Amino acid sequence: MSGNGMNRRTVLATATAALAAPALAQSRAGRGIVEMGAREMVAALRRRDLSSREVMAAHLAQADRLNPRFNAIVSRVDGEALMKQAAALDEDAAAGRFHGPLHGLPHAVKDTAPVKGIRSTQGSPILRDNVPAADSLVVERMRKAGMIFIGKTNVPEFALGSHSFNPLFGVTGNAYAPDRSAGGSTGGGAVALALRMVPLADGSDFGGSLRNPAGWNNVFGFRPSFGRVPSVPNSDVFWQNFATSGPMARTVEDLALLLSVQAGSDPRSPFSLTDDPSMFAGPLERDWKGKRIGWLGDLGGALPMEAGVLDTCVKALEAFRAIGMTVEAATLSEPAQDMWRTAVTLRHWSVGADLQGFYDDPAKRALMKPEAIWEVEGGMALTAPQLAAASVGRTRIYQAFRAAFERFDFLVLPTAQVFPFENATRWPKQIAGVQMDSYHRWMEVTLPATMAGLPVLAVPAGFGGARHLPIGLQIIGPNHADLAVLKLGHAYEQASPWIAAKSPAALNDVTRG
């Protein structure tokens, strides 16, 4: 059955009949298609119950209807050209030539990833006219798998911060409240996904960029283990291992399908993992009775939280108990303040190294946002002993997680310390009366797992706060336990039917857009 209860063949028949019907009938047929899951859609395309043209038309119509209000997809490709690409895939399908496991799916790539022939700006005026001559590795893999790229998804400038606004394209609105932040840096991807403009989304994650937007838009986002999805091209393949690409989806099964395409070793990346990525496309069922969840909460009171965040997340923990797991309070041996100091130092060094070339050009520096300049200048001020100490600190963080996993099978944290804030707010200046001393301090909750290089799945936790808006949970697994984390997320999802039921109100608003 499709996401709205329609049989696949009924969806096709309705869509076909709508070609000669009024616009409202076309809209309803298209929604039947866009509500389908990615695995379901791919299967229908393989059977030729659906055509790539029908899938493309339905998603382009959805983007035309909703994107003007939410601003999730930018640098859109001409619709006629996209329909020609879809027609070519249909011709290949008719001849039995399928391009890969994602054959015929429309997709918008995060605007930090180079895509051949499509403007790729990173949200910066410096790169306003940048049109790459080649794909990044993860984009190349998605293209070879059969995806058709319809444009890019909006990001914060240089992907810095978890609020997706920039001077080129403006702000992306939350799928559940367009006047509120979508999160970031994969904010455009999360919103386009939640609003059914695309069946899947890709992104990248350093300080929660695949986790916070997922939590704030009631979808799933996965930060893979270090080395699972190689970062290629990359000028530094040894030390620059904080950020990683990964998938987003409306179900864990769909997310795992995209990961099966993104993952896999590459000789240009010396630490890339050699496991067969097809394992992620298989069944995700598993018995969890007797396994243990460690609830880290606010790290023993070290992290300020907006009222309602912890209550909402604690309520969501019941889903783990429902599948037979035990849930107990947990702690990490490394103090939160020390983990923060380590993360800030290494982020200064990493981000500063990436942006140094722009900073060194006065004309380009004038176009950089203050947060980017702060990162570069912070990196320039670092000494060798400080970097060495931070590297040792990162090791302590990893060992603290390893020690916790001797008692617990998985650890859980909120995806953010606040609910989605107003779009006009650049970043939260205080939480629960505690002042935030940087543009990303309010996302401190995501950085320990980043520093440890562990697999983390963001799952919806529920709705709370004054506006009853979404928040998520981070499910953190041991080193390289990506598949186990996804299997647990799948079981959590099955025990939480409210996730699929809580769709954005805009999806049911036929009169606006």
Protein backbone atom coordinates (compact mmCIF):
# COMPACT_ATOMS: atom_id res chain seq x y z
CA MET A 1 0.00 0.00 0.00
CA SER A 2 1.16 3.56 -0.63
CA GLY A 3 1.56 6.16 2.09
CA ASN A 4 -2.08 7.35 1.70
CA GLY A 5 -3.62 3.89 1.52
CA MET A 6 -3.89 3.66 -2.28
CA ASN A 7 -2.86 0.53 -4.16
CA ARG A 8 0.14 1.13 -6.46
CA ARG A 9 -1.84 0.30 -9.59
CA THR A 10 -4.62 2.58 -8.37
CA VAL A 11 -2.07 5.36 -8.03
CA LEU A 12 -0.93 4.79 -11.60
CA ALA A 13 -4.45 4.61 -12.97
CA THR A 14 -5.44 7.79 -11.14
CA ALA A 15 -2.34 9.61 -12.37
CA THR A 16 -2.92 8.49 -15.96
CA ALA A 17 -6.57 9.50 -15.90
CA ALA A 18 -5.64 12.87 -14.47
CA LEU A 19 -3.63 13.77 -17.58
CA ALA A 20 -6.88 14.86 -19.22
CA ALA A 21 -8.65 15.91 -16.00
CA PRO A 22 -8.94 19.24 -14.18
CA ALA A 23 -5.99 20.62 -12.24
CA LEU A 24 -7.37 19.54 -8.87
CA ALA A 25 -7.61 15.92 -10.03
CA GLN A 26 -4.05 16.11 -11.27
CA SER A 27 -2.97 17.43 -7.87
CA ARG A 28 -4.67 14.55 -6.06
CA ALA A 29 -3.11 11.95 -8.36
CA GLY A 30 0.31 13.49 -7.95
CA ARG A 31 -0.05 13.38 -4.19
CA GLY A 32 -0.74 9.67 -4.38
CA ILE A 33 2.66 9.28 -6.01
CA VAL A 34 4.61 11.64 -3.74
CA GLU A 35 3.24 9.92 -0.64
CA MET A 36 4.83 6.64 -1.70
CA GLY A 37 7.99 5.55 0.05
CA ALA A 38 11.22 5.42 -1.94
CA ARG A 39 11.48 1.62 -1.85
CA GLU A 40 7.84 1.33 -2.87
CA MET A 41 8.33 3.85 -5.68
CA VAL A 42 11.43 2.11 -7.01
CA ALA A 43 9.60 -1.24 -7.01
CA ALA A 44 6.69 0.28 -8.95
CA LEU A 45 9.13 1.78 -11.47
CA ARG A 46 10.84 -1.61 -11.86
CA ARG A 47 7.52 -3.30 -12.56
CA ARG A 48 6.66 -0.36 -14.83
CA ASP A 49 3.50 0.26 -12.83
CA LEU A 50 4.81 3.82 -12.75
CA SER A 51 6.90 5.74 -15.24
CA SER A 52 9.76 8.08 -14.42
CA ARG A 53 7.82 10.83 -16.19
CA GLU A 54 4.85 10.40 -13.84
CA VAL A 55 7.12 10.38 -10.80
CA MET A 56 8.98 13.46 -12.01
CA ALA A 57 5.80 15.37 -12.89
CA ALA A 58 4.25 14.65 -9.50
CA HIS A 59 7.29 15.84 -7.55
CA LEU A 60 7.81 18.94 -9.70
CA ALA A 61 4.16 19.85 -9.15
CA GLN A 62 4.62 19.39 -5.41
CA ALA A 63 7.68 21.64 -5.45
CA ASP A 64 5.83 24.26 -7.53
CA ARG A 65 3.01 24.23 -4.98
CA LEU A 66 5.00 24.34 -1.75
CA ASN A 67 8.54 25.55 -2.40
CA PRO A 68 7.56 29.23 -2.77
CA ARG A 69 6.34 29.14 0.85
CA PHE A 70 9.18 27.09 2.34
CA ASN A 71 12.22 27.80 0.12
CA ALA A 72 13.76 24.35 0.47
CA ILE A 73 14.94 23.74 -3.11
CA VAL A 74 17.18 26.28 -4.88
CA SER A 75 18.96 26.44 -8.26
CA ARG A 76 16.18 24.40 -9.83
CA VAL A 77 16.78 22.73 -13.19
CA ASP A 78 14.43 23.51 -16.08
CA GLY A 79 11.34 21.30 -15.86
CA GLU A 80 11.26 20.47 -19.57
CA ALA A 81 14.86 19.24 -19.43
CA LEU A 82 14.02 17.10 -16.41
CA MET A 83 11.05 15.54 -18.17
CA LYS A 84 13.31 14.66 -21.10
CA GLN A 85 15.73 12.93 -18.73
CA ALA A 86 12.82 11.03 -17.21
CA ALA A 87 11.58 10.01 -20.67
CA ALA A 88 15.04 8.69 -21.52
CA LEU A 89 15.01 6.54 -18.37
CA ASP A 90 11.57 5.24 -19.33
CA GLU A 91 12.89 4.23 -22.73
CA ASP A 92 15.76 2.39 -21.07
CA ALA A 93 13.35 0.69 -18.66
CA ALA A 94 11.18 -0.45 -21.57
CA ALA A 95 14.29 -2.11 -23.03
CA GLY A 96 15.13 -3.73 -19.68
CA ARG A 97 18.00 -1.36 -18.92
CA PHE A 98 17.71 -0.06 -15.36
CA HIS A 99 20.35 2.37 -14.20
CA GLY A 100 20.54 1.25 -10.59
CA PRO A 101 18.59 0.85 -7.35
CA LEU A 102 17.30 4.45 -7.47
CA HIS A 103 16.32 4.42 -11.17
CA GLY A 104 13.97 7.29 -11.98
CA LEU A 105 13.82 9.05 -8.60
CA PRO A 106 13.96 12.87 -8.66
CA HIS A 107 16.47 14.29 -6.20
CA ALA A 108 17.76 17.65 -4.98
CA VAL A 109 21.38 17.58 -3.74
CA LYS A 110 22.52 19.54 -0.70
CA ASP A 111 24.10 22.79 -1.88
CA THR A 112 27.44 21.94 -0.29
CA ALA A 113 28.06 18.98 -2.64
CA PRO A 114 29.46 19.65 -6.13
CA VAL A 115 27.09 18.57 -8.91
CA LYS A 116 28.31 18.68 -12.50
CA GLY A 117 26.47 21.31 -14.50
CA ILE A 118 24.33 22.67 -11.62
CA ARG A 119 25.17 25.83 -9.71
CA SER A 120 26.73 24.83 -6.39
CA THR A 121 27.12 27.81 -4.04
CA GLN A 122 27.39 26.60 -0.42
CA GLY A 123 25.06 29.53 0.24
CA SER A 124 27.93 32.01 -0.24
CA PRO A 125 28.03 35.07 -2.52
CA ILE A 126 31.65 34.14 -3.21
CA LEU A 127 30.43 31.03 -5.06
CA ARG A 128 27.37 32.64 -6.63
CA ASP A 129 28.39 31.61 -10.16
CA ASN A 130 30.18 28.34 -9.35
CA VAL A 131 29.16 25.54 -11.72
CA PRO A 132 31.30 22.42 -11.05
CA ALA A 133 32.78 20.43 -13.91
CA ALA A 134 32.53 17.16 -11.95
CA ASP A 135 30.42 15.47 -9.29
CA SER A 136 31.64 14.70 -5.80
CA LEU A 137 31.90 10.98 -5.07
CA VAL A 138 28.58 10.72 -3.25
CA VAL A 139 26.79 12.63 -6.03
CA GLU A 140 28.44 10.45 -8.66
CA ARG A 141 27.19 7.36 -6.84
CA MET A 142 23.63 8.70 -6.63
CA ARG A 143 23.69 9.64 -10.32
CA LYS A 144 24.92 6.17 -11.32
CA ALA A 145 22.15 4.67 -9.17
CA GLY A 146 19.60 6.32 -11.46
CA MET A 147 18.64 9.55 -9.71
CA ILE A 148 17.68 12.65 -11.71
CA PHE A 149 18.90 15.88 -10.10
CA ILE A 150 16.23 18.59 -10.04
CA GLY A 151 18.30 21.23 -8.19
CA LYS A 152 19.98 21.84 -4.84
CA THR A 153 18.67 22.12 -1.27
CA ASN A 154 19.23 25.26 0.77
CA VAL A 155 21.92 25.55 3.47
CA PRO A 156 23.44 28.11 5.84
CA GLU A 157 26.40 29.98 4.35
CA PHE A 158 29.31 27.50 4.14
CA ALA A 159 27.06 25.10 6.10
CA LEU A 160 28.00 26.92 9.31
CA GLY A 161 25.28 26.79 11.95
CA SER A 162 22.05 24.87 12.28
CA HIS A 163 19.75 27.53 10.75
CA SER A 164 19.41 27.42 6.95
CA PHE A 165 19.60 31.00 5.74
CA ASN A 166 22.05 32.77 3.45
CA PRO A 167 22.31 36.01 1.43
CA LEU A 168 21.82 34.26 -1.92
CA PHE A 169 18.57 32.38 -1.40
CA GLY A 170 17.16 33.52 1.93
CA VAL A 171 15.78 31.35 4.72
CA THR A 172 14.18 27.90 4.61
CA GLY A 173 11.04 27.55 6.72
CA ASN A 174 10.30 24.56 8.93
CA ALA A 175 7.95 22.01 7.35
CA TYR A 176 5.62 22.29 10.35
CA ALA A 177 5.86 26.07 10.83
CA PRO A 178 7.33 28.07 7.91
CA ASP A 179 8.03 31.04 10.21
CA ARG A 180 10.40 28.83 12.24
CA SER A 181 13.87 27.45 11.51
CA ALA A 182 14.27 24.27 9.48
CA GLY A 183 17.57 23.54 11.22
CA GLY A 184 20.76 23.01 9.31
CA SER A 185 22.92 22.69 7.64
CA THR A 186 20.76 20.14 5.80
CA GLY A 187 17.65 22.24 6.45
CA GLY A 188 16.53 22.47 2.83
CA GLY A 189 16.88 18.72 2.40
CA ALA A 190 14.85 17.92 5.52
CA VAL A 191 12.02 20.27 4.52
CA ALA A 192 11.91 19.15 0.88
CA LEU A 193 11.72 15.57 2.16
CA ALA A 194 9.05 16.20 4.81
CA LEU A 195 6.90 18.08 2.27
CA ARG A 196 7.22 15.30 -0.33
CA MET A 197 9.04 17.45 -2.91
CA VAL A 198 11.61 14.61 -3.08
CA PRO A 199 11.41 10.96 -1.98
CA LEU A 200 14.89 10.99 -0.37
CA ALA A 201 17.42 13.58 0.76
CA ASP A 202 21.18 13.64 1.11
CA GLY A 203 23.26 15.77 3.41
CA SER A 204 26.43 16.10 5.43
CA ASP A 205 27.09 16.37 9.15
CA PHE A 206 29.74 17.91 11.39
CA GLY A 207 27.84 19.52 14.25
CA GLY A 208 24.48 17.81 13.79
CA SER A 209 23.69 18.87 10.22
CA LEU A 210 21.91 15.59 9.42
CA ARG A 211 20.49 15.22 12.93
CA ASN A 212 18.97 18.53 14.01
CA PRO A 213 17.05 19.19 10.75
CA ALA A 214 15.70 15.63 10.86
CA GLY A 215 14.56 16.07 14.45
CA TRP A 216 12.97 19.44 13.70
CA ASN A 217 11.06 18.17 10.64
CA ASN A 218 9.87 14.74 11.88
CA VAL A 219 12.06 12.69 9.52
CA PHE A 220 15.10 10.43 9.90
CA GLY A 221 18.73 11.48 9.39
CA PHE A 222 21.87 9.37 9.69
CA ARG A 223 25.44 10.37 10.43
CA PRO A 224 27.47 7.27 9.40
CA SER A 225 30.63 6.00 11.07
CA PHE A 226 33.87 7.69 10.11
CA GLY A 227 34.89 6.15 6.76
CA ARG A 228 31.49 4.70 5.82
CA VAL A 229 30.85 7.33 3.12
CA PRO A 230 34.23 8.58 1.83
CA SER A 231 34.71 12.34 1.53
CA VAL A 232 36.06 12.67 -2.01
CA PRO A 233 37.37 14.99 -3.33
CA ASN A 234 39.19 16.23 -0.25
CA SER A 235 42.52 18.06 -0.06
CA ASP A 236 43.26 16.38 3.31
CA VAL A 237 42.31 12.71 3.58
CA PHE A 238 44.03 12.09 6.92
CA TRP A 239 42.96 14.79 9.39
CA GLN A 240 39.79 16.22 7.86
CA ASN A 241 37.47 13.48 9.11
CA PHE A 242 34.88 15.35 11.16
CA ALA A 243 32.25 15.95 8.48
CA THR A 244 30.65 13.08 6.58
CA SER A 245 27.93 12.70 3.98
CA GLY A 246 24.86 10.66 4.77
CA PRO A 247 21.17 10.04 4.02
CA MET A 248 17.78 11.37 5.14
CA ALA A 249 14.39 9.76 4.56
CA ARG A 250 10.85 9.55 5.88
CA THR A 251 11.39 5.92 6.95
CA VAL A 252 14.45 4.05 8.18
CA GLU A 253 14.11 1.49 5.38
CA ASP A 254 14.28 4.25 2.75
CA LEU A 255 17.21 5.87 4.55
CA ALA A 256 19.10 2.57 4.54
CA LEU A 257 18.43 2.17 0.81
CA LEU A 258 20.10 5.51 0.07
CA LEU A 259 23.00 4.64 2.38
CA SER A 260 23.54 1.43 0.39
CA VAL A 261 24.27 3.69 -2.60
CA GLN A 262 26.32 6.33 -0.80
CA ALA A 263 28.54 3.95 1.20
CA GLY A 264 31.52 1.90 0.04
CA SER A 265 35.27 2.18 -0.06
CA ASP A 266 37.24 4.34 -2.46
CA PRO A 267 41.02 4.13 -3.04
CA ARG A 268 41.32 7.92 -2.74
CA SER A 269 40.14 7.68 0.89
CA PRO A 270 42.63 5.61 2.93
CA PHE A 271 40.31 5.11 5.94
CA SER A 272 37.17 4.23 3.98
CA LEU A 273 35.40 1.09 5.21
CA THR A 274 35.46 -1.98 2.98
CA ASP A 275 32.20 -3.65 4.08
CA ASP A 276 29.72 -4.46 1.31
CA PRO A 277 27.25 -1.53 1.32
CA SER A 278 24.47 -3.74 -0.08
CA MET A 279 23.91 -4.96 3.50
CA PHE A 280 21.97 -1.75 4.14
CA ALA A 281 19.43 -2.61 1.43
CA GLY A 282 18.42 -5.85 3.18
CA PRO A 283 15.80 -6.54 5.87
CA LEU A 284 16.06 -4.51 9.07
CA GLU A 285 14.04 -6.71 11.43
CA ARG A 286 15.70 -7.91 14.63
CA ASP A 287 14.71 -9.00 18.14
CA TRP A 288 15.73 -6.39 20.74
CA LYS A 289 14.51 -8.08 23.91
CA GLY A 290 16.99 -7.73 26.75
CA LYS A 291 19.16 -5.07 25.10
CA ARG A 292 19.99 -1.89 27.00
CA ILE A 293 19.57 1.81 26.22
CA GLY A 294 21.62 4.40 28.09
CA TRP A 295 19.78 7.73 28.33
CA LEU A 296 22.33 10.57 28.49
CA GLY A 297 19.72 13.33 28.75
CA ASP A 298 21.41 16.68 29.38
CA LEU A 299 24.76 15.10 30.32
CA GLY A 300 24.08 15.29 34.02
CA GLY A 301 22.75 18.84 33.95
CA ALA A 302 25.72 20.20 31.97
CA LEU A 303 23.66 21.18 28.92
CA PRO A 304 20.89 23.78 29.26
CA MET A 305 17.65 22.67 27.59
CA GLU A 306 14.55 24.59 26.57
CA ALA A 307 11.53 23.64 28.65
CA GLY A 308 9.80 20.62 27.16
CA VAL A 309 12.74 19.14 25.23
CA LEU A 310 13.70 16.57 27.85
CA ASP A 311 10.08 15.77 28.71
CA THR A 312 9.26 15.08 25.06
CA CYS A 313 12.34 12.92 24.61
CA VAL A 314 11.76 10.95 27.82
CA LYS A 315 8.24 10.14 26.67
CA ALA A 316 9.66 8.83 23.37
CA LEU A 317 11.93 6.43 25.26
CA GLU A 318 8.84 4.29 25.91
CA ALA A 319 9.14 3.01 22.33
CA PHE A 320 12.37 1.25 23.29
CA ARG A 321 10.67 -0.38 26.26
CA ALA A 322 7.82 -1.43 23.98
CA ILE A 323 10.24 -3.53 21.89
CA GLY A 324 11.65 -5.24 24.96
CA MET A 325 14.66 -3.06 25.81
CA THR A 326 15.56 -1.60 29.18
CA VAL A 327 16.23 2.13 29.51
CA GLU A 328 18.45 3.51 32.26
CA ALA A 329 20.22 6.77 32.99
CA ALA A 330 23.79 6.90 31.67
CA THR A 331 26.83 9.14 31.94
CA LEU A 332 30.06 9.76 30.04
CA SER A 333 33.34 9.85 31.95
CA GLU A 334 34.67 12.83 29.97
CA PRO A 335 33.27 16.12 31.40
CA ALA A 336 30.96 18.05 29.07
CA GLN A 337 33.04 21.22 29.33
CA ASP A 338 36.17 19.35 28.29
CA MET A 339 34.35 17.77 25.33
CA TRP A 340 33.16 21.22 24.26
CA ARG A 341 36.67 22.68 24.46
CA THR A 342 38.03 19.82 22.35
CA ALA A 343 35.27 20.22 19.75
CA VAL A 344 35.67 24.00 19.45
CA THR A 345 39.44 23.72 18.99
CA LEU A 346 39.21 21.03 16.31
CA ARG A 347 36.33 22.78 14.57
CA HIS A 348 38.32 26.04 14.45
CA TRP A 349 41.20 24.15 12.88
CA SER A 350 39.07 22.17 10.41
CA VAL A 351 36.68 24.92 9.27
CA GLY A 352 39.44 27.50 9.29
CA ALA A 353 41.60 25.36 7.01
CA ASP A 354 38.67 24.96 4.57
CA LEU A 355 37.94 28.70 4.39
CA GLN A 356 41.45 30.14 4.71
CA GLY A 357 41.79 30.79 0.97
CA PHE A 358 38.65 32.94 0.93
CA TYR A 359 39.73 34.79 4.07
CA ASP A 360 43.15 35.61 2.62
CA ASP A 361 41.51 37.52 -0.25
CA PRO A 362 40.20 40.83 1.22
CA ALA A 363 37.46 41.11 -1.41
CA LYS A 364 36.16 37.64 -0.61
CA ARG A 365 36.61 38.09 3.13
CA ALA A 366 34.23 41.06 2.92
CA LEU A 367 31.55 38.64 1.66
CA MET A 368 31.99 36.12 4.49
CA LYS A 369 29.54 36.04 7.40
CA PRO A 370 30.94 36.87 10.87
CA GLU A 371 30.68 33.27 12.05
CA ALA A 372 32.91 32.10 9.19
CA ILE A 373 35.50 34.76 9.95
CA TRP A 374 35.38 33.80 13.64
CA GLU A 375 36.16 30.18 12.75
CA VAL A 376 39.10 31.11 10.49
CA GLU A 377 40.63 33.54 12.96
CA GLY A 378 40.13 31.03 15.75
CA GLY A 379 42.06 28.50 13.70
CA MET A 380 44.83 30.97 12.93
CA ALA A 381 45.31 31.63 16.66
CA LEU A 382 45.81 27.97 17.54
CA THR A 383 49.20 26.66 18.59
CA ALA A 384 50.67 23.22 17.96
CA PRO A 385 50.39 22.27 21.68
CA GLN A 386 46.69 23.25 21.62
CA LEU A 387 46.02 21.04 18.61
CA ALA A 388 47.92 18.18 20.19
CA ALA A 389 45.91 18.54 23.40
CA ALA A 390 42.66 18.61 21.43
CA SER A 391 43.62 15.44 19.58
CA VAL A 392 44.27 13.73 22.91
CA GLY A 393 40.94 15.10 24.12
CA ARG A 394 39.20 13.58 21.15
CA THR A 395 40.72 10.23 22.07
CA ARG A 396 39.35 10.60 25.59
CA ILE A 397 35.88 11.25 24.17
CA TYR A 398 36.06 8.07 22.11
CA GLN A 399 37.23 6.09 25.13
CA ALA A 400 34.42 7.56 27.25
CA PHE A 401 31.86 6.27 24.75
CA ARG A 402 33.64 2.92 24.53
CA ALA A 403 33.44 2.56 28.31
CA ALA A 404 29.73 3.41 28.28
CA PHE A 405 29.13 0.74 25.63
CA GLU A 406 30.54 -1.87 28.01
CA ARG A 407 27.33 -1.39 30.01
CA PHE A 408 24.86 -0.26 27.33
CA ASP A 409 24.18 -1.46 23.80
CA PHE A 410 23.19 2.04 22.58
CA LEU A 411 23.21 5.57 23.96
CA VAL A 412 20.53 8.22 23.40
CA LEU A 413 20.57 12.03 23.46
CA PRO A 414 18.20 14.77 22.16
CA THR A 415 18.97 16.08 18.67
CA ALA A 416 18.98 19.70 19.86
CA GLN A 417 18.72 21.74 23.05
CA VAL A 418 15.84 23.90 21.80
CA PHE A 419 12.73 23.60 19.65
CA PRO A 420 12.68 25.38 16.24
CA PHE A 421 13.12 29.11 16.82
CA GLU A 422 11.89 32.10 14.81
CA ASN A 423 13.42 32.58 11.36
CA ALA A 424 14.47 36.12 12.22
CA THR A 425 16.70 34.79 15.03
CA ARG A 426 20.25 34.31 13.79
CA TRP A 427 20.97 31.80 16.56
CA PRO A 428 19.75 31.36 20.14
CA LYS A 429 21.63 33.69 22.46
CA GLN A 430 20.48 31.92 25.63
CA ILE A 431 18.79 28.72 26.76
CA ALA A 432 17.03 28.48 30.11
CA GLY A 433 18.82 31.63 31.25
CA VAL A 434 22.28 30.37 30.21
CA GLN A 435 24.10 32.57 27.67
CA MET A 436 25.35 30.90 24.49
CA ASP A 437 28.89 32.09 23.77
CA SER A 438 29.03 31.04 20.09
CA TYR A 439 26.77 30.53 17.10
CA HIS A 440 26.79 26.75 17.65
CA ARG A 441 26.89 26.40 21.45
CA TRP A 442 23.16 25.63 21.45
CA MET A 443 23.99 22.51 19.39
CA GLU A 444 26.61 21.27 21.85
CA VAL A 445 24.56 18.11 22.31
CA THR A 446 25.56 16.79 18.87
CA LEU A 447 29.33 17.24 19.09
CA PRO A 448 30.45 14.39 21.40
CA ALA A 449 29.34 11.70 18.93
CA THR A 450 30.97 13.64 16.08
CA MET A 451 34.27 13.75 17.93
CA ALA A 452 34.05 9.99 18.60
CA GLY A 453 33.31 9.20 14.93
CA LEU A 454 30.35 6.99 15.85
CA PRO A 455 27.21 6.12 13.85
CA VAL A 456 24.20 8.23 14.93
CA LEU A 457 20.60 7.99 13.75
CA ALA A 458 18.25 10.91 14.38
CA VAL A 459 14.68 9.72 14.91
CA PRO A 460 11.55 11.78 15.60
CA ALA A 461 10.82 12.05 19.34
CA GLY A 462 7.56 13.97 19.29
CA PHE A 463 6.17 17.48 19.46
CA GLY A 464 6.50 19.92 22.35
CA GLY A 465 7.24 23.43 23.52
CA ALA A 466 4.93 26.42 23.31
CA ARG A 467 4.27 25.88 19.58
CA HIS A 468 4.06 22.06 19.76
CA LEU A 469 6.93 21.63 17.28
CA PRO A 470 9.12 18.60 16.50
CA ILE A 471 12.25 17.44 18.29
CA GLY A 472 14.29 14.26 17.82
CA LEU A 473 16.46 11.66 19.52
CA GLN A 474 20.02 10.67 18.60
CA ILE A 475 20.53 6.90 18.72
CA ILE A 476 24.30 6.42 19.06
CA GLY A 477 25.92 3.05 18.37
CA PRO A 478 29.38 1.58 18.93
CA ASN A 479 32.14 2.08 16.38
CA HIS A 480 31.12 0.82 12.90
CA ALA A 481 27.76 -0.53 14.17
CA ASP A 482 25.88 1.38 11.49
CA LEU A 483 23.61 -1.51 10.51
CA ALA A 484 22.69 -2.28 14.11
CA VAL A 485 21.79 1.39 14.69
CA LEU A 486 19.54 1.36 11.61
CA LYS A 487 17.87 -1.88 12.72
CA LEU A 488 17.15 -0.36 16.12
CA GLY A 489 15.81 2.78 14.45
CA HIS A 490 13.52 0.64 12.31
CA ALA A 491 12.13 -1.13 15.38
CA TYR A 492 11.67 2.23 17.13
CA GLU A 493 9.79 3.51 14.09
CA GLN A 494 7.47 0.47 14.05
CA ALA A 495 6.71 1.07 17.74
CA SER A 496 5.97 4.77 17.02
CA PRO A 497 3.13 4.87 14.44
CA TRP A 498 2.51 8.52 15.32
CA ILE A 499 5.61 9.47 13.27
CA ALA A 500 3.94 8.72 9.92
CA ALA A 501 0.61 10.13 11.14
CA LYS A 502 2.06 13.55 12.05
CA SER A 503 2.50 14.94 8.55
CA PRO A 504 2.91 18.69 7.92
CA ALA A 505 -0.35 20.61 7.60
CA ALA A 506 0.79 22.11 4.28
CA LEU A 507 0.43 18.69 2.62
CA ASN A 508 -3.34 18.87 3.05
CA ASP A 509 -3.74 22.49 2.00
CA VAL A 510 -4.87 22.34 -1.64
CA THR A 511 -5.68 26.03 -1.93
CA ARG A 512 -2.27 27.52 -1.11
CA GLY A 513 1.14 27.41 -2.77
